[in-house]
Amino acid sequence: MKKIFDGKKTVKLGTEKNPAVVHVKTKKRMKEVAKIFEENAWKYRIDLEQDKPEDITDLEILLNRPEPKEVEKKVGRNEPCPCGSGKKYKKCCGR
């Protein structure tokens, strides 16, 4: 059986222990990206590499955090049916 949890917590991206790592090609782009990180108070490391392609995936992850999903409340078996018949859900639409 595969062990899923190994006891180690994952550290949030953009913090002191797990800074965002970004690779850019020019100094101008480096200043732009650094400004974004500083406005949001995220910890980061920018590498200036002119011969490699730009990689700003960590920045995109931080900027586009997923919204929490809201779950709809389920109808219980013994509650009135939402169709408005007046019967219990288990005797009406719950079949």
N, C-alpha and C. Protein backbone atom coordinates (compact mmCIF):
# COMPACT_ATOMS: atom_id res chain seq x y z
N MET A 1 0.84 -1.18 0.00
CA MET A 1 0.00 0.00 0.00
C MET A 1 0.89 1.25 0.00
N LYS A 2 0.56 2.21 -0.85
CA LYS A 2 1.36 3.42 -0.98
C LYS A 2 1.00 4.40 0.13
N LYS A 3 2.02 4.95 0.77
CA LYS A 3 1.82 5.92 1.84
C LYS A 3 1.62 7.29 1.21
N ILE A 4 0.51 7.94 1.52
CA ILE A 4 0.19 9.22 0.91
C ILE A 4 0.80 10.38 1.68
N PHE A 5 0.66 10.41 3.00
CA PHE A 5 1.15 11.52 3.81
C PHE A 5 2.43 11.10 4.50
N ASP A 6 3.51 11.84 4.29
CA ASP A 6 4.79 11.48 4.88
C ASP A 6 5.12 12.29 6.14
N GLY A 7 4.17 13.09 6.63
CA GLY A 7 4.39 13.84 7.86
C GLY A 7 4.97 15.23 7.66
N LYS A 8 5.34 15.57 6.43
CA LYS A 8 5.90 16.88 6.15
C LYS A 8 4.83 17.77 5.54
N LYS A 9 4.72 18.98 6.06
CA LYS A 9 3.79 19.94 5.51
C LYS A 9 4.43 20.65 4.32
N THR A 10 3.65 20.92 3.31
CA THR A 10 4.15 21.70 2.19
C THR A 10 4.13 23.17 2.58
N VAL A 11 5.18 23.87 2.23
CA VAL A 11 5.32 25.27 2.59
C VAL A 11 4.69 26.12 1.49
N LYS A 12 3.98 27.15 1.90
CA LYS A 12 3.30 28.04 0.97
C LYS A 12 4.31 28.76 0.08
N LEU A 13 4.01 28.85 -1.21
CA LEU A 13 4.88 29.51 -2.18
C LEU A 13 4.93 31.01 -1.91
N GLY A 14 6.12 31.58 -2.02
CA GLY A 14 6.31 33.01 -1.82
C GLY A 14 6.64 33.39 -0.38
N THR A 15 7.02 32.39 0.44
CA THR A 15 7.38 32.66 1.82
C THR A 15 8.89 32.54 1.98
N GLU A 16 9.37 32.78 3.18
CA GLU A 16 10.81 32.73 3.46
C GLU A 16 11.39 31.34 3.20
N LYS A 17 10.64 30.30 3.57
CA LYS A 17 11.14 28.93 3.40
C LYS A 17 10.99 28.43 1.97
N ASN A 18 10.04 28.96 1.21
CA ASN A 18 9.82 28.53 -0.16
C ASN A 18 9.62 29.75 -1.06
N PRO A 19 10.71 30.47 -1.38
CA PRO A 19 10.56 31.66 -2.23
C PRO A 19 10.25 31.27 -3.68
N ALA A 20 9.56 32.15 -4.37
CA ALA A 20 9.26 31.93 -5.78
C ALA A 20 10.54 32.12 -6.59
N VAL A 21 10.81 31.22 -7.53
CA VAL A 21 12.00 31.29 -8.37
C VAL A 21 11.57 31.61 -9.80
N VAL A 22 12.16 32.67 -10.35
CA VAL A 22 11.81 33.16 -11.68
C VAL A 22 13.08 33.32 -12.51
N HIS A 23 13.02 32.95 -13.79
CA HIS A 23 14.14 33.13 -14.72
C HIS A 23 13.70 34.12 -15.80
N VAL A 24 14.48 35.20 -15.98
CA VAL A 24 14.19 36.20 -17.00
C VAL A 24 15.42 36.42 -17.89
N LYS A 25 15.19 37.11 -19.02
CA LYS A 25 16.27 37.33 -19.98
C LYS A 25 16.94 38.69 -19.88
N THR A 26 16.18 39.74 -19.51
CA THR A 26 16.73 41.10 -19.51
C THR A 26 16.60 41.75 -18.14
N LYS A 27 17.41 42.79 -17.93
CA LYS A 27 17.36 43.53 -16.67
C LYS A 27 16.06 44.32 -16.55
N LYS A 28 15.54 44.80 -17.67
CA LYS A 28 14.29 45.55 -17.66
C LYS A 28 13.15 44.64 -17.17
N ARG A 29 13.11 43.43 -17.70
CA ARG A 29 12.09 42.46 -17.29
C ARG A 29 12.27 42.07 -15.82
N MET A 30 13.52 42.01 -15.37
CA MET A 30 13.81 41.67 -13.99
C MET A 30 13.23 42.72 -13.05
N LYS A 31 13.35 43.99 -13.42
CA LYS A 31 12.80 45.08 -12.60
C LYS A 31 11.28 45.02 -12.56
N GLU A 32 10.65 44.70 -13.70
CA GLU A 32 9.19 44.59 -13.76
C GLU A 32 8.68 43.49 -12.83
N VAL A 33 9.32 42.34 -12.91
CA VAL A 33 8.90 41.19 -12.10
C VAL A 33 9.16 41.46 -10.62
N ALA A 34 10.30 42.06 -10.30
CA ALA A 34 10.63 42.38 -8.91
C ALA A 34 9.61 43.34 -8.31
N LYS A 35 9.14 44.29 -9.09
CA LYS A 35 8.15 45.25 -8.62
C LYS A 35 6.85 44.53 -8.24
N ILE A 36 6.44 43.57 -9.04
CA ILE A 36 5.22 42.80 -8.75
C ILE A 36 5.37 42.03 -7.45
N PHE A 37 6.52 41.38 -7.26
CA PHE A 37 6.76 40.62 -6.03
C PHE A 37 6.76 41.54 -4.81
N GLU A 38 7.38 42.70 -4.92
CA GLU A 38 7.49 43.61 -3.79
C GLU A 38 6.15 44.25 -3.43
N GLU A 39 5.30 44.51 -4.44
CA GLU A 39 3.97 45.07 -4.17
C GLU A 39 3.13 44.10 -3.33
N ASN A 40 3.31 42.81 -3.57
CA ASN A 40 2.52 41.79 -2.87
C ASN A 40 3.23 41.22 -1.65
N ALA A 41 4.44 41.68 -1.36
CA ALA A 41 5.24 41.24 -0.21
C ALA A 41 5.54 39.75 -0.24
N TRP A 42 5.82 39.21 -1.45
CA TRP A 42 6.20 37.82 -1.60
C TRP A 42 7.72 37.73 -1.61
N LYS A 43 8.26 36.66 -1.08
CA LYS A 43 9.70 36.39 -1.13
C LYS A 43 10.00 35.75 -2.50
N TYR A 44 11.13 36.13 -3.08
CA TYR A 44 11.42 35.66 -4.44
C TYR A 44 12.92 35.59 -4.69
N ARG A 45 13.27 34.92 -5.79
CA ARG A 45 14.64 34.88 -6.30
C ARG A 45 14.55 34.97 -7.81
N ILE A 46 15.23 35.95 -8.38
CA ILE A 46 15.20 36.15 -9.83
C ILE A 46 16.58 35.82 -10.39
N ASP A 47 16.61 34.93 -11.38
CA ASP A 47 17.85 34.58 -12.06
C ASP A 47 17.84 35.22 -13.44
N LEU A 48 18.93 35.93 -13.78
CA LEU A 48 19.08 36.58 -15.07
C LEU A 48 19.88 35.66 -15.98
N GLU A 49 19.20 35.03 -16.94
CA GLU A 49 19.84 34.09 -17.87
C GLU A 49 19.40 34.45 -19.28
N GLN A 50 20.30 35.03 -20.04
CA GLN A 50 19.96 35.50 -21.39
C GLN A 50 19.86 34.37 -22.40
N ASP A 51 20.53 33.25 -22.17
CA ASP A 51 20.53 32.16 -23.14
C ASP A 51 19.41 31.14 -22.94
N LYS A 52 18.68 31.23 -21.82
CA LYS A 52 17.59 30.29 -21.55
C LYS A 52 16.25 31.00 -21.70
N PRO A 53 15.17 30.24 -21.97
CA PRO A 53 13.85 30.88 -22.11
C PRO A 53 13.33 31.39 -20.76
N GLU A 54 12.46 32.39 -20.84
CA GLU A 54 11.90 32.99 -19.63
C GLU A 54 10.96 31.99 -18.95
N ASP A 55 11.03 31.90 -17.63
CA ASP A 55 10.20 31.00 -16.85
C ASP A 55 9.65 31.76 -15.65
N ILE A 56 8.38 32.15 -15.73
CA ILE A 56 7.75 32.89 -14.63
C ILE A 56 6.54 32.13 -14.09
N THR A 57 6.59 30.81 -14.09
CA THR A 57 5.45 30.01 -13.65
C THR A 57 5.11 30.24 -12.18
N ASP A 58 6.12 30.41 -11.32
CA ASP A 58 5.83 30.65 -9.90
C ASP A 58 5.07 31.96 -9.70
N LEU A 59 5.41 32.99 -10.47
CA LEU A 59 4.71 34.26 -10.39
C LEU A 59 3.26 34.10 -10.85
N GLU A 60 3.05 33.36 -11.93
CA GLU A 60 1.70 33.14 -12.43
C GLU A 60 0.85 32.38 -11.43
N ILE A 61 1.45 31.42 -10.74
CA ILE A 61 0.73 30.66 -9.71
C ILE A 61 0.30 31.59 -8.57
N LEU A 62 1.19 32.47 -8.15
CA LEU A 62 0.87 33.39 -7.07
C LEU A 62 -0.21 34.41 -7.48
N LEU A 63 -0.17 34.87 -8.71
CA LEU A 63 -1.13 35.86 -9.17
C LEU A 63 -2.51 35.25 -9.43
N ASN A 64 -2.57 33.98 -9.79
CA ASN A 64 -3.83 33.34 -10.16
C ASN A 64 -4.20 32.21 -9.20
N ARG A 65 -4.32 32.55 -7.94
CA ARG A 65 -4.70 31.54 -6.94
C ARG A 65 -6.12 31.07 -7.21
N PRO A 66 -6.37 29.76 -7.07
CA PRO A 66 -7.73 29.25 -7.30
C PRO A 66 -8.69 29.70 -6.19
N GLU A 67 -9.91 30.00 -6.59
CA GLU A 67 -10.94 30.40 -5.64
C GLU A 67 -11.49 29.16 -4.96
N PRO A 68 -11.83 29.25 -3.67
CA PRO A 68 -12.42 28.10 -2.99
C PRO A 68 -13.80 27.79 -3.56
N LYS A 69 -14.12 26.51 -3.68
CA LYS A 69 -15.40 26.09 -4.22
C LYS A 69 -16.45 26.06 -3.12
N GLU A 70 -17.65 26.48 -3.46
CA GLU A 70 -18.76 26.43 -2.51
C GLU A 70 -19.63 25.24 -2.87
N VAL A 71 -19.92 24.42 -1.89
CA VAL A 71 -20.71 23.22 -2.10
C VAL A 71 -22.16 23.52 -1.79
N GLU A 72 -23.04 23.06 -2.68
CA GLU A 72 -24.47 23.25 -2.45
C GLU A 72 -24.95 22.29 -1.38
N LYS A 73 -25.91 22.74 -0.59
CA LYS A 73 -26.45 21.89 0.46
C LYS A 73 -27.33 20.82 -0.17
N LYS A 74 -27.11 19.57 0.23
CA LYS A 74 -27.91 18.47 -0.29
C LYS A 74 -29.23 18.38 0.47
N VAL A 75 -30.23 17.88 -0.22
CA VAL A 75 -31.54 17.68 0.40
C VAL A 75 -31.49 16.37 1.16
N GLY A 76 -31.90 16.40 2.42
CA GLY A 76 -31.95 15.19 3.23
C GLY A 76 -33.13 14.31 2.85
N ARG A 77 -33.04 13.03 3.17
CA ARG A 77 -34.11 12.08 2.83
C ARG A 77 -35.46 12.47 3.42
N ASN A 78 -35.46 12.96 4.66
CA ASN A 78 -36.71 13.22 5.35
C ASN A 78 -37.15 14.68 5.31
N GLU A 79 -36.49 15.49 4.50
CA GLU A 79 -36.88 16.89 4.34
C GLU A 79 -37.94 17.01 3.25
N PRO A 80 -38.70 18.09 3.26
CA PRO A 80 -39.69 18.28 2.19
C PRO A 80 -39.01 18.37 0.83
N CYS A 81 -39.66 17.84 -0.18
CA CYS A 81 -39.08 17.82 -1.53
C CYS A 81 -39.00 19.23 -2.09
N PRO A 82 -37.89 19.59 -2.75
CA PRO A 82 -37.74 20.94 -3.31
C PRO A 82 -38.66 21.21 -4.50
N CYS A 83 -39.31 20.18 -5.05
CA CYS A 83 -40.19 20.40 -6.20
C CYS A 83 -41.51 21.05 -5.78
N GLY A 84 -41.81 21.04 -4.46
CA GLY A 84 -43.00 21.72 -3.96
C GLY A 84 -44.23 20.82 -3.87
N SER A 85 -44.05 19.52 -3.97
CA SER A 85 -45.20 18.60 -3.91
C SER A 85 -45.76 18.45 -2.50
N GLY A 86 -44.97 18.76 -1.47
CA GLY A 86 -45.40 18.60 -0.10
C GLY A 86 -45.03 17.26 0.49
N LYS A 87 -44.54 16.34 -0.34
CA LYS A 87 -44.12 15.03 0.15
C LYS A 87 -42.68 15.10 0.63
N LYS A 88 -42.28 14.05 1.35
CA LYS A 88 -40.88 13.95 1.74
C LYS A 88 -40.06 13.63 0.49
N TYR A 89 -38.81 14.05 0.49
CA TYR A 89 -37.93 13.85 -0.66
C TYR A 89 -37.78 12.36 -1.00
N LYS A 90 -37.71 11.49 0.02
CA LYS A 90 -37.51 10.07 -0.24
C LYS A 90 -38.71 9.43 -0.92
N LYS A 91 -39.90 10.01 -0.77
CA LYS A 91 -41.11 9.47 -1.39
C LYS A 91 -41.43 10.13 -2.73
N CYS A 92 -40.73 11.20 -3.06
CA CYS A 92 -41.07 11.96 -4.28
C CYS A 92 -39.94 11.87 -5.30
N CYS A 93 -39.04 12.80 -5.31
CA CYS A 93 -37.97 12.87 -6.32
C CYS A 93 -36.75 12.06 -5.94
N GLY A 94 -36.68 11.54 -4.74
CA GLY A 94 -35.50 10.81 -4.29
C GLY A 94 -35.48 9.35 -4.67
N ARG A 95 -36.43 8.90 -5.45
CA ARG A 95 -36.48 7.48 -5.83
C ARG A 95 -35.44 7.14 -6.83
